[in-house]
Structures are given as C-alpha cells and as structure tokens.
Amino acid sequence: MVCFALFPYYEASHLEVMDTMFFVGVNAGLLILLIFGLVSAQAKIKAGRKEII
C-alpha cells in the first residue's frame, strides 16, 4: 500500500506500457526470423539441396 501512495498508478503506467511494447517487439522479431528461416529453407529444398544446417 505504501508503494501506491508513493507511486501513483498514472506515473508508473508508462513503464508497464514500455515493458509490454518491448515484449511484443521481441516476439514480433522472433516471428519474423522464424518465417524468414522457413521461407529460405523451403527455397533450398526446391533448389534441390536436401541438407539443411
């Protein structure tokens, strides 16, 4: 309860928004890397190279 008295919600809320946006950005970046990896692997398979490192 002391924390709420010292740090009102409207001042601390921007930190939660920044944390949320950070995790959303990280997840979006990982998803883009996954899609890029799958597309490049599919292109290698179509090119006839069966080994995927």
PDB file of N, CA and C in Angstrom:
ATOM      1  N   MET A   1       0.825  -1.200   0.000  1.00  0.00           N
ATOM      2  CA  MET A   1       0.000   0.000   0.000  1.00  0.00           C
ATOM      3  C   MET A   1       0.861   1.253   0.000  1.00  0.00           C
ATOM      4  N   VAL A   2       2.024   1.159   0.592  1.00  0.00           N
ATOM      5  CA  VAL A   2       2.918   2.317   0.607  1.00  0.00           C
ATOM      6  C   VAL A   2       3.398   2.624  -0.802  1.00  0.00           C
ATOM      7  N   CYS A   3       3.596   1.580  -1.599  1.00  0.00           N
ATOM      8  CA  CYS A   3       4.056   1.791  -2.973  1.00  0.00           C
ATOM      9  C   CYS A   3       3.032   2.590  -3.772  1.00  0.00           C
ATOM     10  N   PHE A   4       1.751   2.276  -3.564  1.00  0.00           N
ATOM     11  CA  PHE A   4       0.719   3.013  -4.291  1.00  0.00           C
ATOM     12  C   PHE A   4       0.659   4.463  -3.839  1.00  0.00           C
ATOM     13  N   ALA A   5       0.984   4.705  -2.566  1.00  0.00           N
ATOM     14  CA  ALA A   5       0.967   6.075  -2.068  1.00  0.00           C
ATOM     15  C   ALA A   5       2.150   6.858  -2.629  1.00  0.00           C
ATOM     16  N   LEU A   6       3.306   6.196  -2.743  1.00  0.00           N
ATOM     17  CA  LEU A   6       4.494   6.887  -3.239  1.00  0.00           C
ATOM     18  C   LEU A   6       4.495   7.000  -4.759  1.00  0.00           C
ATOM     19  N   PHE A   7       4.000   5.969  -5.434  1.00  0.00           N
ATOM     20  CA  PHE A   7       3.993   5.956  -6.891  1.00  0.00           C
ATOM     21  C   PHE A   7       2.566   5.762  -7.387  1.00  0.00           C
ATOM     22  N   PRO A   8       1.886   6.817  -7.685  1.00  0.00           N
ATOM     23  CA  PRO A   8       0.513   6.685  -8.195  1.00  0.00           C
ATOM     24  C   PRO A   8       0.505   5.917  -9.513  1.00  0.00           C
ATOM     25  N   TYR A   9      -0.643   5.337  -9.824  1.00  0.00           N
ATOM     26  CA  TYR A   9      -0.744   4.454 -10.989  1.00  0.00           C
ATOM     27  C   TYR A   9      -0.439   5.191 -12.292  1.00  0.00           C
ATOM     28  N   TYR A  10      -0.893   6.428 -12.404  1.00  0.00           N
ATOM     29  CA  TYR A  10      -0.724   7.115 -13.684  1.00  0.00           C
ATOM     30  C   TYR A  10       0.736   7.452 -13.963  1.00  0.00           C
ATOM     31  N   GLU A  11       1.592   7.480 -12.949  1.00  0.00           N
ATOM     32  CA  GLU A  11       3.007   7.733 -13.199  1.00  0.00           C
ATOM     33  C   GLU A  11       3.754   6.448 -13.529  1.00  0.00           C
ATOM     34  N   ALA A  12       3.331   5.341 -12.970  1.00  0.00           N
ATOM     35  CA  ALA A  12       4.028   4.080 -13.201  1.00  0.00           C
ATOM     36  C   ALA A  12       3.479   3.336 -14.416  1.00  0.00           C
ATOM     37  N   SER A  13       2.356   3.777 -14.965  1.00  0.00           N
ATOM     38  CA  SER A  13       1.731   3.016 -16.046  1.00  0.00           C
ATOM     39  C   SER A  13       2.573   3.056 -17.316  1.00  0.00           C
ATOM     40  N   HIS A  14       3.330   4.130 -17.537  1.00  0.00           N
ATOM     41  CA  HIS A  14       4.120   4.184 -18.761  1.00  0.00           C
ATOM     42  C   HIS A  14       5.218   3.124 -18.755  1.00  0.00           C
ATOM     43  N   LEU A  15       5.690   2.719 -17.582  1.00  0.00           N
ATOM     44  CA  LEU A  15       6.679   1.648 -17.518  1.00  0.00           C
ATOM     45  C   LEU A  15       6.064   0.321 -17.944  1.00  0.00           C
ATOM     46  N   GLU A  16       4.833   0.078 -17.540  1.00  0.00           N
ATOM     47  CA  GLU A  16       4.166  -1.158 -17.947  1.00  0.00           C
ATOM     48  C   GLU A  16       3.920  -1.162 -19.453  1.00  0.00           C
ATOM     49  N   VAL A  17       3.568  -0.018 -20.004  1.00  0.00           N
ATOM     50  CA  VAL A  17       3.341   0.063 -21.450  1.00  0.00           C
ATOM     51  C   VAL A  17       4.647  -0.190 -22.194  1.00  0.00           C
ATOM     52  N   MET A  18       5.747   0.374 -21.688  1.00  0.00           N
ATOM     53  CA  MET A  18       7.036   0.161 -22.342  1.00  0.00           C
ATOM     54  C   MET A  18       7.453  -1.299 -22.255  1.00  0.00           C
ATOM     55  N   ASP A  19       7.237  -1.940 -21.106  1.00  0.00           N
ATOM     56  CA  ASP A  19       7.566  -3.357 -20.976  1.00  0.00           C
ATOM     57  C   ASP A  19       6.723  -4.197 -21.927  1.00  0.00           C
ATOM     58  N   THR A  20       5.440  -3.868 -22.016  1.00  0.00           N
ATOM     59  CA  THR A  20       4.558  -4.621 -22.910  1.00  0.00           C
ATOM     60  C   THR A  20       4.995  -4.455 -24.359  1.00  0.00           C
ATOM     61  N   MET A  21       5.307  -3.229 -24.757  1.00  0.00           N
ATOM     62  CA  MET A  21       5.740  -2.997 -26.126  1.00  0.00           C
ATOM     63  C   MET A  21       7.066  -3.690 -26.406  1.00  0.00           C
ATOM     64  N   PHE A  22       7.954  -3.734 -25.392  1.00  0.00           N
ATOM     65  CA  PHE A  22       9.231  -4.428 -25.566  1.00  0.00           C
ATOM     66  C   PHE A  22       9.009  -5.909 -25.848  1.00  0.00           C
ATOM     67  N   PHE A  23       8.164  -6.556 -25.043  1.00  0.00           N
ATOM     68  CA  PHE A  23       7.927  -7.982 -25.244  1.00  0.00           C
ATOM     69  C   PHE A  23       7.183  -8.243 -26.551  1.00  0.00           C
ATOM     70  N   VAL A  24       6.266  -7.360 -26.911  1.00  0.00           N
ATOM     71  CA  VAL A  24       5.573  -7.509 -28.193  1.00  0.00           C
ATOM     72  C   VAL A  24       6.573  -7.376 -29.338  1.00  0.00           C
ATOM     73  N   GLY A  25       7.488  -6.427 -29.222  1.00  0.00           N
ATOM     74  CA  GLY A  25       8.505  -6.248 -30.258  1.00  0.00           C
ATOM     75  C   GLY A  25       9.436  -7.436 -30.375  1.00  0.00           C
ATOM     76  N   VAL A  26       9.851  -7.981 -29.231  1.00  0.00           N
ATOM     77  CA  VAL A  26      10.730  -9.156 -29.246  1.00  0.00           C
ATOM     78  C   VAL A  26      10.014 -10.337 -29.885  1.00  0.00           C
ATOM     79  N   ASN A  27       8.761 -10.550 -29.507  1.00  0.00           N
ATOM     80  CA  ASN A  27       8.004 -11.668 -30.084  1.00  0.00           C
ATOM     81  C   ASN A  27       7.788 -11.473 -31.579  1.00  0.00           C
ATOM     82  N   ALA A  28       7.514 -10.248 -32.005  1.00  0.00           N
ATOM     83  CA  ALA A  28       7.333  -9.984 -33.432  1.00  0.00           C
ATOM     84  C   ALA A  28       8.637 -10.231 -34.187  1.00  0.00           C
ATOM     85  N   GLY A  29       9.751  -9.814 -33.604  1.00  0.00           N
ATOM     86  CA  GLY A  29      11.048 -10.048 -34.240  1.00  0.00           C
ATOM     87  C   GLY A  29      11.360 -11.523 -34.384  1.00  0.00           C
ATOM     88  N   LEU A  30      11.083 -12.291 -33.334  1.00  0.00           N
ATOM     89  CA  LEU A  30      11.321 -13.734 -33.402  1.00  0.00           C
ATOM     90  C   LEU A  30      10.409 -14.395 -34.429  1.00  0.00           C
ATOM     91  N   LEU A  31       9.179 -13.922 -34.520  1.00  0.00           N
ATOM     92  CA  LEU A  31       8.257 -14.475 -35.509  1.00  0.00           C
ATOM     93  C   LEU A  31       8.734 -14.180 -36.927  1.00  0.00           C
ATOM     94  N   ILE A  32       9.246 -12.979 -37.154  1.00  0.00           N
ATOM     95  CA  ILE A  32       9.768 -12.618 -38.475  1.00  0.00           C
ATOM     96  C   ILE A  32      10.973 -13.489 -38.820  1.00  0.00           C
ATOM     97  N   LEU A  33      11.869 -13.705 -37.830  1.00  0.00           N
ATOM     98  CA  LEU A  33      13.019 -14.571 -38.082  1.00  0.00           C
ATOM     99  C   LEU A  33      12.590 -16.003 -38.389  1.00  0.00           C
ATOM    100  N   LEU A  34      11.576 -16.485 -37.693  1.00  0.00           N
ATOM    101  CA  LEU A  34      11.075 -17.838 -37.944  1.00  0.00           C
ATOM    102  C   LEU A  34      10.514 -17.956 -39.355  1.00  0.00           C
ATOM    103  N   ILE A  35       9.713 -16.978 -39.763  1.00  0.00           N
ATOM    104  CA  ILE A  35       9.128 -17.004 -41.108  1.00  0.00           C
ATOM    105  C   ILE A  35      10.229 -16.923 -42.163  1.00  0.00           C
ATOM    106  N   PHE A  36      11.220 -16.049 -41.928  1.00  0.00           N
ATOM    107  CA  PHE A  36      12.328 -15.927 -42.879  1.00  0.00           C
ATOM    108  C   PHE A  36      13.097 -17.242 -42.992  1.00  0.00           C
ATOM    109  N   GLY A  37      13.329 -17.896 -41.860  1.00  0.00           N
ATOM    110  CA  GLY A  37      14.031 -19.178 -41.880  1.00  0.00           C
ATOM    111  C   GLY A  37      13.252 -20.244 -42.620  1.00  0.00           C
ATOM    112  N   LEU A  38      11.939 -20.286 -42.410  1.00  0.00           N
ATOM    113  CA  LEU A  38      11.121 -21.284 -43.103  1.00  0.00           C
ATOM    114  C   LEU A  38      11.087 -21.026 -44.604  1.00  0.00           C
ATOM    115  N   VAL A  39      10.988 -19.767 -44.993  1.00  0.00           N
ATOM    116  CA  VAL A  39      10.950 -19.439 -46.424  1.00  0.00           C
ATOM    117  C   VAL A  39      12.278 -19.781 -47.077  1.00  0.00           C
ATOM    118  N   SER A  40      13.394 -19.451 -46.411  1.00  0.00           N
ATOM    119  CA  SER A  40      14.695 -19.760 -47.004  1.00  0.00           C
ATOM    120  C   SER A  40      14.936 -21.267 -47.052  1.00  0.00           C
ATOM    121  N   ALA A  41      14.465 -21.996 -46.037  1.00  0.00           N
ATOM    122  CA  ALA A  41      14.606 -23.453 -46.058  1.00  0.00           C
ATOM    123  C   ALA A  41      13.772 -24.054 -47.181  1.00  0.00           C
ATOM    124  N   GLN A  42      12.589 -23.520 -47.388  1.00  0.00           N
ATOM    125  CA  GLN A  42      11.740 -24.017 -48.469  1.00  0.00           C
ATOM    126  C   GLN A  42      12.394 -23.746 -49.823  1.00  0.00           C
ATOM    127  N   ALA A  43      13.026 -22.591 -49.962  1.00  0.00           N
ATOM    128  CA  ALA A  43      13.701 -22.273 -51.215  1.00  0.00           C
ATOM    129  C   ALA A  43      14.876 -23.220 -51.450  1.00  0.00           C
ATOM    130  N   LYS A  44      15.600 -23.573 -50.383  1.00  0.00           N
ATOM    131  CA  LYS A  44      16.726 -24.501 -50.534  1.00  0.00           C
ATOM    132  C   LYS A  44      16.236 -25.889 -50.926  1.00  0.00           C
ATOM    133  N   ILE A  45      15.119 -26.310 -50.369  1.00  0.00           N
ATOM    134  CA  ILE A  45      14.575 -27.625 -50.711  1.00  0.00           C
ATOM    135  C   ILE A  45      14.128 -27.643 -52.169  1.00  0.00           C
ATOM    136  N   LYS A  46      13.488 -26.578 -52.610  1.00  0.00           N
ATOM    137  CA  LYS A  46      13.047 -26.519 -54.007  1.00  0.00           C
ATOM    138  C   LYS A  46      14.231 -26.466 -54.962  1.00  0.00           C
ATOM    139  N   ALA A  47      15.359 -25.914 -54.492  1.00  0.00           N
ATOM    140  CA  ALA A  47      16.543 -25.836 -55.343  1.00  0.00           C
ATOM    141  C   ALA A  47      17.255 -27.179 -55.447  1.00  0.00           C
ATOM    142  N   GLY A  48      16.827 -28.149 -54.661  1.00  0.00           N
ATOM    143  CA  GLY A  48      17.415 -29.472 -54.768  1.00  0.00           C
ATOM    144  C   GLY A  48      18.406 -29.788 -53.674  1.00  0.00           C
ATOM    145  N   ARG A  49      18.647 -28.858 -52.775  1.00  0.00           N
ATOM    146  CA  ARG A  49      19.579 -29.116 -51.677  1.00  0.00           C
ATOM    147  C   ARG A  49      18.789 -29.704 -50.516  1.00  0.00           C
ATOM    148  N   LYS A  50      19.013 -30.958 -50.230  1.00  0.00           N
ATOM    149  CA  LYS A  50      18.230 -31.638 -49.197  1.00  0.00           C
ATOM    150  C   LYS A  50      18.804 -31.417 -47.804  1.00  0.00           C
ATOM    151  N   GLU A  51      20.081 -31.077 -47.703  1.00  0.00           N
ATOM    152  CA  GLU A  51      20.669 -30.886 -46.382  1.00  0.00           C
ATOM    153  C   GLU A  51      20.365 -29.476 -45.892  1.00  0.00           C
ATOM    154  N   ILE A  52      19.813 -29.390 -44.691  1.00  0.00           N
ATOM    155  CA  ILE A  52      19.518 -28.103 -44.064  1.00  0.00           C
ATOM    156  C   ILE A  52      20.304 -28.043 -42.768  1.00  0.00           C
ATOM    157  N   ILE A  53      21.158 -27.094 -42.686  1.00  0.00           N
ATOM    158  CA  ILE A  53      22.002 -26.972 -41.494  1.00  0.00           C
ATOM    159  C   ILE A  53      21.233 -26.205 -40.431  1.00  0.00           C
TER     160      ILE A  53
END
